[in-house]
N, C-alpha and C. Protein backbone atom coordinates (compact mmCIF):
# COMPACT_ATOMS: atom_id res chain seq x y z
N UNK A 1 52.88 18.83 -66.60
CA UNK A 1 52.13 19.98 -66.42
C UNK A 1 52.22 20.29 -65.15
N UNK A 2 52.36 21.80 -65.10
CA UNK A 2 52.40 21.92 -63.18
C UNK A 2 50.56 22.10 -62.58
N UNK A 3 50.70 21.87 -61.70
CA UNK A 3 49.86 21.87 -60.85
C UNK A 3 48.61 23.17 -60.85
N UNK A 4 49.55 24.07 -60.77
CA UNK A 4 48.61 25.94 -61.18
C UNK A 4 47.94 26.03 -62.73
N UNK A 5 48.50 25.34 -63.48
CA UNK A 5 47.96 25.06 -65.22
C UNK A 5 46.65 24.39 -65.16
N UNK A 6 47.06 23.04 -64.62
CA UNK A 6 45.35 22.13 -64.32
C UNK A 6 44.73 22.86 -63.29
N UNK A 7 44.79 23.62 -62.57
CA UNK A 7 44.17 24.81 -61.23
C UNK A 7 42.80 25.40 -62.24
N UNK A 8 44.14 26.77 -63.22
CA UNK A 8 43.35 27.56 -63.88
C UNK A 8 42.27 26.97 -64.81
N UNK A 9 43.14 26.14 -66.06
CA UNK A 9 42.23 25.36 -66.95
C UNK A 9 41.06 24.59 -66.41
N UNK A 10 41.08 23.99 -65.09
CA UNK A 10 40.01 23.47 -64.66
C UNK A 10 39.03 24.39 -64.23
N UNK A 11 39.45 25.54 -63.19
CA UNK A 11 38.47 26.52 -63.15
C UNK A 11 38.48 26.99 -64.45
N UNK A 12 38.61 27.51 -65.84
CA UNK A 12 38.15 27.99 -67.01
C UNK A 12 37.11 27.28 -67.57
N UNK A 13 37.77 25.90 -67.05
CA UNK A 13 35.98 24.29 -67.81
C UNK A 13 34.84 24.86 -66.99
N UNK A 14 35.07 24.97 -65.04
CA UNK A 14 33.88 25.00 -64.72
C UNK A 14 33.17 26.76 -65.24
N UNK A 15 33.76 27.63 -65.50
CA UNK A 15 32.91 28.67 -65.68
C UNK A 15 32.32 28.37 -66.79
N UNK A 16 33.03 28.32 -67.88
CA UNK A 16 32.69 27.45 -68.85
C UNK A 16 31.22 27.22 -68.78
N UNK A 17 31.27 25.88 -68.25
CA UNK A 17 30.42 24.80 -67.42
C UNK A 17 28.92 25.61 -67.02
N UNK A 18 29.28 26.44 -66.02
CA UNK A 18 28.36 27.33 -65.69
C UNK A 18 27.67 28.31 -66.45
N UNK A 19 28.53 28.87 -66.75
CA UNK A 19 28.09 29.86 -68.73
C UNK A 19 27.20 28.84 -68.90
N UNK A 20 27.53 27.91 -69.20
CA UNK A 20 26.70 26.94 -70.36
C UNK A 20 25.09 26.51 -69.45
N UNK A 21 25.37 26.31 -68.18
CA UNK A 21 23.67 25.91 -67.56
C UNK A 21 23.13 26.70 -66.94
N UNK A 22 23.57 28.32 -67.04
CA UNK A 22 22.82 29.12 -66.93
C UNK A 22 22.29 29.63 -68.26
N UNK A 23 23.16 29.41 -69.22
CA UNK A 23 22.16 29.80 -70.68
C UNK A 23 21.27 28.77 -70.93
N UNK A 24 20.91 27.57 -70.51
CA UNK A 24 20.31 26.17 -70.54
C UNK A 24 19.20 26.22 -69.96
N UNK A 25 18.84 26.86 -68.48
CA UNK A 25 18.39 27.14 -67.69
C UNK A 25 17.60 28.53 -68.17
N UNK A 26 18.02 29.10 -68.45
CA UNK A 26 17.18 30.92 -69.67
C UNK A 26 16.58 29.97 -70.80
N UNK A 27 17.34 29.21 -71.27
CA UNK A 27 16.52 28.94 -72.78
C UNK A 27 15.43 28.02 -72.08
N UNK A 28 15.54 27.03 -71.40
CA UNK A 28 14.23 26.65 -70.91
C UNK A 28 13.35 27.15 -70.37
N UNK A 29 13.62 27.98 -69.62
CA UNK A 29 12.32 29.39 -68.96
C UNK A 29 12.00 30.06 -70.39
N UNK A 30 12.52 30.45 -70.87
CA UNK A 30 12.33 31.05 -72.07
C UNK A 30 11.80 29.81 -73.33
N UNK A 31 11.28 29.00 -73.24
CA UNK A 31 10.40 27.65 -73.98
C UNK A 31 9.58 27.47 -73.37
N UNK A 32 9.63 27.97 -71.35
CA UNK A 32 8.32 27.24 -71.03
C UNK A 32 7.24 28.43 -71.07
N UNK A 33 7.98 29.46 -70.75
CA UNK A 33 7.29 30.92 -71.08
C UNK A 33 6.68 30.94 -72.41
N UNK A 34 7.24 29.93 -73.73
CA UNK A 34 6.95 30.18 -74.71
C UNK A 34 5.16 29.14 -74.86
N UNK A 35 5.48 28.19 -74.17
CA UNK A 35 4.79 27.19 -74.42
C UNK A 35 3.30 27.38 -73.62
N UNK A 36 3.64 28.37 -72.39
CA UNK A 36 2.49 28.69 -71.26
C UNK A 36 1.58 29.86 -72.26
N UNK A 37 2.64 30.63 -73.31
CA UNK A 37 1.64 32.19 -73.59
C UNK A 37 1.18 31.29 -74.89
N UNK A 38 1.36 30.43 -75.63
CA UNK A 38 0.33 29.52 -76.11
C UNK A 38 -0.84 28.68 -75.86
N UNK A 39 -0.99 28.72 -74.77
CA UNK A 39 -2.16 27.75 -73.64
C UNK A 39 -3.21 29.17 -74.06
N UNK A 40 -4.53 28.39 -74.48
CA UNK A 40 -5.76 29.08 -74.99
C UNK A 40 -6.44 29.83 -73.64
N UNK A 41 -6.53 30.64 -73.10
CA UNK A 41 -7.40 31.20 -71.98
C UNK A 41 -8.31 30.25 -71.89
N UNK A 42 -8.63 29.93 -70.11
CA UNK A 42 -9.00 28.88 -69.92
C UNK A 42 -9.53 27.61 -70.14
N UNK A 43 -8.88 27.19 -71.12
CA UNK A 43 -8.55 25.92 -71.23
C UNK A 43 -7.45 25.36 -70.24
N UNK A 44 -7.79 24.02 -69.59
CA UNK A 44 -6.98 23.36 -68.22
C UNK A 44 -6.79 21.94 -68.88
N UNK A 45 -5.38 21.92 -68.79
CA UNK A 45 -5.37 20.51 -69.02
C UNK A 45 -5.02 19.35 -67.94
N UNK A 46 -5.64 18.16 -67.83
CA UNK A 46 -5.25 17.33 -66.73
C UNK A 46 -4.56 16.37 -66.58
N UNK A 47 -2.85 16.89 -66.10
CA UNK A 47 -2.03 15.43 -66.51
C UNK A 47 -2.43 14.10 -65.83
N UNK A 48 -2.67 13.03 -66.48
CA UNK A 48 -3.35 11.90 -65.34
C UNK A 48 -2.52 10.71 -65.01
N UNK A 49 -2.41 10.85 -63.65
CA UNK A 49 -1.27 9.58 -63.68
C UNK A 49 -2.36 8.34 -63.12
N UNK A 50 -1.44 7.34 -64.17
CA UNK A 50 -1.95 6.06 -63.75
C UNK A 50 -1.16 5.19 -62.55
N UNK A 51 -2.01 4.81 -62.07
CA UNK A 51 -1.51 3.43 -60.25
C UNK A 51 -1.62 2.34 -61.43
N UNK A 52 -0.36 1.83 -61.62
CA UNK A 52 -0.50 0.64 -62.33
C UNK A 52 1.13 -0.55 -61.14
N UNK A 53 -0.51 -1.55 -61.30
CA UNK A 53 0.58 -3.01 -60.97
C UNK A 53 -0.06 -4.20 -62.30
N UNK A 54 0.59 -5.61 -61.27
CA UNK A 54 0.59 -7.14 -62.16
C UNK A 54 -1.03 -7.17 -62.45
N UNK A 55 -1.97 -6.11 -61.69
CA UNK A 55 -3.67 -6.54 -62.56
C UNK A 55 -3.73 -6.00 -63.01
N UNK A 56 -3.47 -4.58 -63.47
CA UNK A 56 -3.91 -3.05 -64.70
C UNK A 56 -3.55 -1.85 -64.17
N UNK A 57 -4.48 -1.01 -64.23
CA UNK A 57 -3.89 -0.23 -63.75
C UNK A 57 -5.36 0.84 -63.30
N UNK A 58 -5.23 1.90 -62.31
CA UNK A 58 -6.19 2.98 -62.04
C UNK A 58 -5.71 4.20 -62.54
N UNK A 59 -6.66 4.84 -62.73
CA UNK A 59 -6.30 6.58 -63.54
C UNK A 59 -7.85 7.64 -62.96
N UNK A 60 -7.43 7.90 -61.82
CA UNK A 60 -7.73 9.18 -61.86
C UNK A 60 -8.59 10.23 -62.74
N UNK A 61 -9.60 10.03 -64.20
CA UNK A 61 -9.70 11.19 -64.38
C UNK A 61 -10.09 12.79 -63.95
N UNK A 62 -10.97 12.64 -63.29
CA UNK A 62 -11.38 14.23 -63.26
C UNK A 62 -11.82 14.59 -61.82
N UNK A 63 -11.67 15.51 -60.73
CA UNK A 63 -11.88 16.02 -59.68
C UNK A 63 -13.24 16.91 -59.66
N UNK A 64 -13.62 17.05 -59.68
CA UNK A 64 -14.60 18.74 -59.25
C UNK A 64 -13.54 19.61 -58.63
N UNK A 65 -12.91 19.58 -57.64
CA UNK A 65 -12.21 20.44 -56.74
C UNK A 65 -11.17 21.06 -57.71
N UNK A 66 -10.18 20.34 -58.67
CA UNK A 66 -9.62 21.08 -59.52
C UNK A 66 -9.65 21.81 -61.13
N UNK A 67 -11.39 21.68 -61.29
CA UNK A 67 -11.91 22.64 -62.28
C UNK A 67 -12.72 23.15 -61.79
N UNK A 68 -13.06 24.20 -60.98
CA UNK A 68 -14.01 25.09 -60.91
C UNK A 68 -14.87 25.40 -61.71
N UNK A 69 -16.35 25.42 -61.18
CA UNK A 69 -17.14 25.69 -62.19
C UNK A 69 -17.96 25.30 -63.52
N UNK A 70 -17.30 24.06 -63.36
CA UNK A 70 -17.73 22.62 -64.24
C UNK A 70 -18.18 21.57 -63.63
N UNK A 71 -19.66 21.41 -63.85
CA UNK A 71 -20.38 20.54 -62.86
C UNK A 71 -20.67 19.73 -64.64
N UNK A 72 -20.82 18.77 -64.45
CA UNK A 72 -21.15 17.34 -66.13
C UNK A 72 -22.77 17.53 -65.62
N UNK A 73 -23.45 17.25 -66.72
CA UNK A 73 -24.95 17.42 -66.62
C UNK A 73 -24.78 15.98 -68.02
N UNK A 74 -23.52 15.40 -68.48
CA UNK A 74 -23.79 14.42 -69.36
C UNK A 74 -22.82 13.49 -69.78
N UNK A 75 -22.88 12.61 -69.89
CA UNK A 75 -21.27 12.34 -70.58
C UNK A 75 -21.89 11.13 -71.68
N UNK A 76 -20.59 11.45 -72.71
CA UNK A 76 -20.67 10.96 -74.03
C UNK A 76 -19.62 10.09 -74.37
N UNK A 77 -19.86 8.99 -75.55
CA UNK A 77 -18.24 8.37 -75.62
C UNK A 77 -18.59 8.55 -77.36
N UNK A 78 -17.85 8.34 -77.36
CA UNK A 78 -17.44 7.93 -79.63
C UNK A 78 -16.59 7.45 -79.83
N UNK A 79 -16.30 6.58 -80.87
CA UNK A 79 -15.01 6.28 -81.16
C UNK A 79 -14.48 6.09 -82.68
N UNK A 80 -13.59 6.66 -83.46
CA UNK A 80 -13.36 7.59 -84.46
C UNK A 80 -11.96 6.10 -85.11
N UNK A 81 -12.68 6.35 -86.56
CA UNK A 81 -11.36 5.24 -87.20
C UNK A 81 -9.95 6.12 -87.21
N UNK A 82 -8.90 5.30 -87.57
CA UNK A 82 -7.63 5.55 -88.06
C UNK A 82 -8.00 6.71 -89.24
N UNK A 83 -7.30 8.25 -88.83
CA UNK A 83 -7.38 8.83 -90.24
C UNK A 83 -8.66 10.12 -90.05
N UNK A 84 -9.28 9.47 -89.61
CA UNK A 84 -10.73 10.32 -89.48
C UNK A 84 -10.39 11.91 -88.63
N UNK A 85 -11.01 13.02 -89.35
CA UNK A 85 -11.53 14.39 -88.97
C UNK A 85 -12.33 14.79 -88.46
N UNK A 86 -12.61 15.16 -86.90
CA UNK A 86 -14.14 16.02 -86.68
C UNK A 86 -13.72 16.62 -86.22
N UNK A 87 -13.80 18.13 -87.47
CA UNK A 87 -13.77 19.28 -86.69
C UNK A 87 -14.43 20.03 -87.87
N UNK A 88 -14.48 21.52 -87.13
CA UNK A 88 -14.70 21.77 -85.51
C UNK A 88 -15.82 22.01 -85.37
N UNK A 89 -16.07 22.49 -84.27
CA UNK A 89 -17.08 23.06 -83.82
C UNK A 89 -16.66 23.91 -82.73
N UNK A 90 -18.05 24.28 -82.29
CA UNK A 90 -18.08 25.36 -80.66
C UNK A 90 -19.33 25.28 -80.40
N UNK A 91 -19.32 25.96 -79.29
CA UNK A 91 -20.50 25.97 -77.73
C UNK A 91 -20.60 27.20 -77.63
N UNK A 92 -21.64 27.50 -77.39
CA UNK A 92 -21.95 29.03 -76.90
C UNK A 92 -22.22 29.18 -74.98
N UNK A 93 -22.67 27.84 -74.87
CA UNK A 93 -22.98 27.85 -73.31
C UNK A 93 -22.15 26.81 -72.70
N UNK A 94 -22.02 26.05 -73.38
CA UNK A 94 -21.08 24.35 -72.86
C UNK A 94 -19.75 24.30 -72.88
N UNK A 95 -19.23 23.42 -71.93
CA UNK A 95 -17.88 23.46 -71.91
C UNK A 95 -17.65 21.78 -71.61
N UNK A 96 -16.99 21.45 -72.63
CA UNK A 96 -16.08 19.92 -72.79
C UNK A 96 -14.88 19.62 -72.09
N UNK A 97 -15.32 18.25 -71.47
CA UNK A 97 -13.74 17.47 -70.92
C UNK A 97 -13.79 16.64 -71.55
N UNK A 98 -12.60 16.46 -72.26
CA UNK A 98 -12.52 15.31 -73.12
C UNK A 98 -11.10 14.58 -72.63
N UNK A 99 -10.99 12.64 -72.40
CA UNK A 99 -10.28 11.93 -71.76
C UNK A 99 -10.09 10.80 -73.38
N UNK A 100 -8.87 10.47 -74.00
CA UNK A 100 -8.75 9.52 -74.85
C UNK A 100 -9.20 8.24 -74.06
N UNK A 101 -9.93 7.59 -73.99
CA UNK A 101 -9.81 5.81 -73.19
C UNK A 101 -8.86 5.03 -74.38
N UNK A 102 -8.60 5.39 -75.48
CA UNK A 102 -7.78 4.27 -76.07
C UNK A 102 -7.90 4.81 -77.32
N UNK A 103 -6.44 4.75 -78.16
CA UNK A 103 -5.56 4.63 -79.63
C UNK A 103 -5.32 6.16 -79.07
N UNK A 104 -4.91 7.13 -79.88
CA UNK A 104 -4.36 8.37 -79.91
C UNK A 104 -4.74 9.03 -80.92
N UNK A 105 -5.26 10.63 -80.29
CA UNK A 105 -5.77 11.68 -81.14
C UNK A 105 -5.21 12.98 -80.86
N UNK A 106 -5.35 13.73 -81.82
CA UNK A 106 -4.40 14.92 -82.13
C UNK A 106 -5.92 15.77 -82.08
N UNK A 107 -5.89 16.86 -80.71
CA UNK A 107 -6.84 17.72 -80.01
C UNK A 107 -6.46 19.16 -80.96
N UNK A 108 -7.21 19.84 -81.03
CA UNK A 108 -7.12 21.21 -81.45
C UNK A 108 -8.21 22.05 -81.21
N UNK A 109 -7.92 23.03 -81.13
CA UNK A 109 -8.37 24.58 -80.18
C UNK A 109 -8.43 25.42 -80.83
N UNK A 110 -9.19 26.45 -81.35
CA UNK A 110 -8.82 27.53 -81.86
C UNK A 110 -10.32 28.55 -80.71
N UNK A 111 -8.94 29.40 -80.48
CA UNK A 111 -9.46 30.70 -79.62
C UNK A 111 -10.58 32.13 -80.42
N UNK A 112 -12.22 31.26 -80.23
CA UNK A 112 -13.05 32.46 -81.26
C UNK A 112 -13.63 33.17 -80.49
N UNK A 113 -13.30 33.61 -79.27
CA UNK A 113 -13.75 34.57 -78.39
C UNK A 113 -13.24 36.05 -78.28
N UNK A 114 -13.88 36.90 -79.40
CA UNK A 114 -12.85 38.35 -79.66
C UNK A 114 -12.81 39.05 -77.99
N UNK A 115 -12.87 38.52 -76.96
CA UNK A 115 -12.71 39.98 -75.79
C UNK A 115 -11.64 38.60 -75.33
N UNK A 116 -10.95 37.99 -75.82
CA UNK A 116 -10.42 36.70 -75.04
C UNK A 116 -8.99 37.47 -75.36
N UNK A 117 -7.82 37.78 -74.09
CA UNK A 117 -6.42 37.54 -74.73
C UNK A 117 -5.59 36.61 -75.79
N UNK A 118 -6.15 35.40 -75.87
CA UNK A 118 -5.56 34.92 -76.99
C UNK A 118 -6.47 34.23 -77.92
N UNK A 119 -7.60 35.36 -78.32
CA UNK A 119 -8.01 35.89 -79.53
C UNK A 119 -7.32 35.24 -80.73
N UNK A 120 -8.05 34.29 -81.16
CA UNK A 120 -7.23 33.74 -82.91
C UNK A 120 -6.17 32.54 -82.69
N UNK A 121 -5.97 32.20 -81.67
CA UNK A 121 -4.79 30.82 -81.58
C UNK A 121 -5.12 30.14 -81.02
N UNK A 122 -4.44 28.82 -81.80
CA UNK A 122 -4.16 27.82 -81.76
C UNK A 122 -3.44 26.93 -81.38
N UNK A 123 -3.98 25.80 -80.40
CA UNK A 123 -4.06 25.19 -78.99
C UNK A 123 -3.72 23.86 -79.77
N UNK A 124 -2.98 22.53 -79.82
CA UNK A 124 -2.87 21.43 -80.10
C UNK A 124 -2.22 20.69 -79.18
N UNK A 125 -3.32 19.12 -78.66
CA UNK A 125 -2.65 18.66 -77.57
C UNK A 125 -3.02 17.52 -78.02
N UNK A 126 -1.84 16.51 -78.00
CA UNK A 126 -1.94 15.36 -77.92
C UNK A 126 -2.42 14.40 -76.94
N UNK A 127 -3.77 13.55 -76.52
CA UNK A 127 -4.16 12.77 -75.79
C UNK A 127 -4.04 11.36 -76.09
N UNK A 128 -4.49 10.27 -75.11
CA UNK A 128 -4.25 9.41 -75.56
C UNK A 128 -3.33 8.31 -74.64
N UNK A 129 -3.21 7.06 -75.27
CA UNK A 129 -2.45 6.70 -74.88
C UNK A 129 -0.48 6.90 -74.87
N UNK A 130 -0.41 7.69 -75.78
CA UNK A 130 0.91 7.97 -75.60
C UNK A 130 1.11 9.23 -74.46
N UNK A 131 -0.04 9.79 -74.23
CA UNK A 131 -0.25 11.71 -73.45
C UNK A 131 -1.93 11.02 -72.62
N UNK A 132 -1.29 10.57 -71.42
CA UNK A 132 -2.78 10.86 -70.34
C UNK A 132 -2.98 11.94 -70.20
N UNK A 133 -3.91 12.41 -70.41
CA UNK A 133 -4.70 13.73 -70.22
C UNK A 133 -5.90 14.24 -70.71
N UNK A 134 -6.61 14.81 -70.02
CA UNK A 134 -7.90 15.25 -69.95
C UNK A 134 -7.45 16.86 -70.27
N UNK A 135 -8.49 16.81 -70.86
CA UNK A 135 -8.65 19.01 -70.99
C UNK A 135 -9.85 19.36 -71.23
N UNK A 136 -10.54 20.53 -70.52
CA UNK A 136 -11.54 21.12 -70.46
C UNK A 136 -11.51 21.81 -71.25
N UNK A 137 -12.56 22.27 -71.59
CA UNK A 137 -12.79 23.24 -72.94
C UNK A 137 -13.48 23.60 -73.15
N UNK A 138 -13.46 25.31 -72.89
CA UNK A 138 -14.38 26.50 -72.05
C UNK A 138 -15.13 26.79 -73.72
N UNK A 139 -16.31 27.61 -72.97
CA UNK A 139 -17.19 27.84 -73.91
C UNK A 139 -16.69 28.60 -75.34
N UNK A 140 -17.38 28.52 -76.73
CA UNK A 140 -16.51 29.59 -77.54
C UNK A 140 -15.29 29.06 -78.25
N UNK A 141 -14.68 28.16 -77.59
CA UNK A 141 -13.62 27.61 -78.27
C UNK A 141 -13.73 26.60 -79.11
N UNK A 142 -13.58 26.71 -80.45
CA UNK A 142 -13.89 25.72 -81.39
C UNK A 142 -12.77 24.60 -80.87
N UNK A 143 -13.40 23.33 -81.22
CA UNK A 143 -12.70 22.18 -81.02
C UNK A 143 -12.72 21.46 -82.21
N UNK A 144 -11.66 20.60 -82.38
CA UNK A 144 -11.75 19.12 -83.06
C UNK A 144 -10.68 18.42 -82.96
N UNK A 145 -10.58 17.35 -83.67
CA UNK A 145 -9.10 16.21 -83.44
C UNK A 145 -9.44 15.37 -84.93
N UNK A 146 -8.71 15.00 -84.75
CA UNK A 146 -7.84 14.46 -85.91
C UNK A 146 -7.16 12.61 -85.17
N UNK A 147 -7.58 11.48 -85.66
CA UNK A 147 -7.30 9.99 -84.91
C UNK A 147 -5.85 10.14 -85.69
N UNK A 148 -5.33 9.81 -84.44
CA UNK A 148 -3.66 9.18 -84.90
C UNK A 148 -3.33 7.83 -85.05
N UNK A 149 -1.98 7.45 -85.72
CA UNK A 149 -1.88 5.73 -86.12
C UNK A 149 -2.77 5.45 -86.89
N UNK A 150 -2.13 3.90 -86.50
CA UNK A 150 -3.48 3.14 -87.17
C UNK A 150 -5.02 2.53 -86.30
N UNK A 151 -5.20 2.15 -85.10
CA UNK A 151 -5.98 2.35 -84.22
C UNK A 151 -6.87 3.16 -83.97
N UNK A 152 -8.45 2.63 -84.05
CA UNK A 152 -9.65 3.88 -83.58
C UNK A 152 -8.76 4.67 -81.99
N UNK A 153 -9.76 5.10 -82.10
CA UNK A 153 -9.70 6.27 -80.86
C UNK A 153 -10.85 6.38 -80.27
N UNK A 154 -10.93 6.21 -78.78
CA UNK A 154 -12.05 5.99 -78.26
C UNK A 154 -12.27 7.37 -77.62
N UNK A 155 -13.02 8.10 -77.32
CA UNK A 155 -13.07 9.69 -76.73
C UNK A 155 -14.72 9.50 -75.68
N UNK A 156 -13.91 9.75 -74.72
CA UNK A 156 -14.90 9.85 -73.26
C UNK A 156 -15.10 11.44 -73.20
N UNK A 157 -16.49 12.36 -73.05
CA UNK A 157 -16.45 13.61 -72.97
C UNK A 157 -17.82 13.82 -71.95
N UNK A 158 -17.48 14.69 -70.65
CA UNK A 158 -18.61 15.48 -70.12
C UNK A 158 -18.98 16.56 -70.50
N UNK A 159 -19.69 16.82 -70.70
CA UNK A 159 -20.54 18.40 -70.83
C UNK A 159 -21.00 18.80 -69.66
N UNK A 160 -21.18 20.13 -69.94
CA UNK A 160 -21.82 20.76 -68.65
C UNK A 160 -23.21 21.24 -68.87
N UNK A 161 -23.65 20.68 -69.83
CA UNK A 161 -25.37 21.29 -70.64
C UNK A 161 -25.78 19.80 -71.46
N UNK A 162 -27.15 19.43 -70.59
CA UNK A 162 -27.61 18.37 -71.82
C UNK A 162 -28.07 18.57 -72.86
N UNK A 163 -28.01 17.78 -73.64
CA UNK A 163 -28.15 18.25 -75.21
C UNK A 163 -29.65 17.90 -75.44
N UNK A 164 -29.70 19.65 -76.29
CA UNK A 164 -31.00 19.48 -76.36
C UNK A 164 -31.97 19.32 -78.16
N UNK A 165 -31.68 18.91 -78.69
CA UNK A 165 -32.25 18.61 -80.32
C UNK A 165 -32.71 19.19 -80.60
N UNK A 166 -33.88 20.23 -79.60
CA UNK A 166 -34.97 20.95 -80.20
C UNK A 166 -34.17 22.21 -80.51
N UNK A 167 -32.98 22.65 -79.28
CA UNK A 167 -32.45 23.31 -79.63
C UNK A 167 -30.60 23.24 -79.11
N UNK A 168 -29.94 23.06 -80.09
CA UNK A 168 -29.10 22.81 -79.99
C UNK A 168 -27.51 23.47 -79.81
N UNK A 169 -26.98 23.07 -78.58
CA UNK A 169 -25.68 24.37 -78.46
C UNK A 169 -24.88 24.01 -78.82
N UNK A 170 -24.80 24.37 -80.12
CA UNK A 170 -23.49 24.30 -81.33
C UNK A 170 -23.54 24.58 -82.54
N UNK A 171 -22.17 25.29 -82.59
CA UNK A 171 -22.22 25.61 -84.18
C UNK A 171 -20.62 25.38 -84.65
N UNK A 172 -20.70 24.82 -86.34
CA UNK A 172 -19.78 24.45 -87.05
C UNK A 172 -18.74 25.46 -87.79
N UNK A 173 -17.50 24.60 -87.95
CA UNK A 173 -17.04 25.07 -88.91
C UNK A 173 -16.22 24.53 -89.71
N UNK A 174 -15.58 24.00 -90.73
CA UNK A 174 -15.26 23.43 -91.70
C UNK A 174 -13.57 22.96 -91.12
N UNK A 175 -13.28 22.31 -91.53
CA UNK A 175 -11.93 21.87 -90.69
C UNK A 175 -10.41 21.97 -91.36
N UNK A 176 -10.82 22.57 -92.76
CA UNK A 176 -10.24 22.75 -93.31
C UNK A 176 -10.45 24.97 -93.71
N UNK A 177 -10.93 25.56 -92.54
CA UNK A 177 -11.30 26.78 -92.82
C UNK A 177 -9.96 28.05 -92.39
N UNK A 178 -9.84 28.63 -93.66
CA UNK A 178 -8.78 29.50 -93.94
C UNK A 178 -8.48 30.40 -92.61
N UNK A 179 -10.00 31.12 -91.80
CA UNK A 179 -9.51 31.67 -90.67
C UNK A 179 -8.53 30.83 -89.66
N UNK A 180 -9.11 29.64 -89.38
CA UNK A 180 -8.66 28.78 -88.07
C UNK A 180 -6.74 28.38 -89.00
N UNK A 181 -7.25 27.73 -90.02
CA UNK A 181 -5.65 27.73 -91.35
C UNK A 181 -4.71 26.71 -90.40
N UNK A 182 -5.43 25.57 -89.77
CA UNK A 182 -4.91 24.54 -89.31
C UNK A 182 -4.20 23.39 -90.65
N UNK A 183 -3.37 22.79 -90.17
CA UNK A 183 -2.81 22.14 -90.98
C UNK A 183 -2.44 20.72 -90.24
N UNK A 184 -3.83 19.72 -90.99
CA UNK A 184 -3.50 18.50 -90.40
C UNK A 184 -3.03 17.02 -90.64
N UNK A 185 -1.98 17.93 -91.57
CA UNK A 185 -1.03 16.72 -92.18
C UNK A 185 0.43 16.69 -91.60
N UNK A 186 0.81 15.58 -91.27
CA UNK A 186 1.53 15.10 -90.45
C UNK A 186 3.20 15.47 -91.20
N UNK A 187 4.28 15.79 -90.03
CA UNK A 187 4.93 16.32 -91.20
C UNK A 187 6.08 15.51 -90.85
N UNK A 188 6.90 14.96 -92.27
CA UNK A 188 8.57 13.78 -92.01
C UNK A 188 9.27 15.42 -90.63
N UNK A 189 9.46 14.49 -89.60
CA UNK A 189 10.84 15.16 -88.71
C UNK A 189 11.98 14.82 -88.49
């Protein structure tokens, strides 16, 4: 083969690869935009970095400077067994900050706020050992979870309203409510 043919062929290959790269970047951007559009308005997810060494790890779960307007007033801890579904409930005034301390759970949020740009949308977030994150859930966003795997899940949640047993700020919706229409079954992929 002569050198000019190789140069032409190499140039063609490089042009082809550039086109694929541009298409890949564009596709990645489209996927990113789609993910952003699926985010329920006002929900904040905080990725948690674990600082680990041979002794264990330290993880900063929450900083006031990263979530303006959220001032914790009470901290709760719950443990749920494998396969348990605790859903759905919502609060008129209260925001929740969830952090899964052990095991894994599938958090499901549903925007029931009629004036929200994401009204009627559902958001799913895996929290726990497989995804170290905390999620801040605003008032009127229905929320619940399902424990994933064969291990119990521990959930710490901070709330910005103290619980009042005489006047609880809590509404309930069935986990299989047709308006939400969430399918809790894990699909084979």
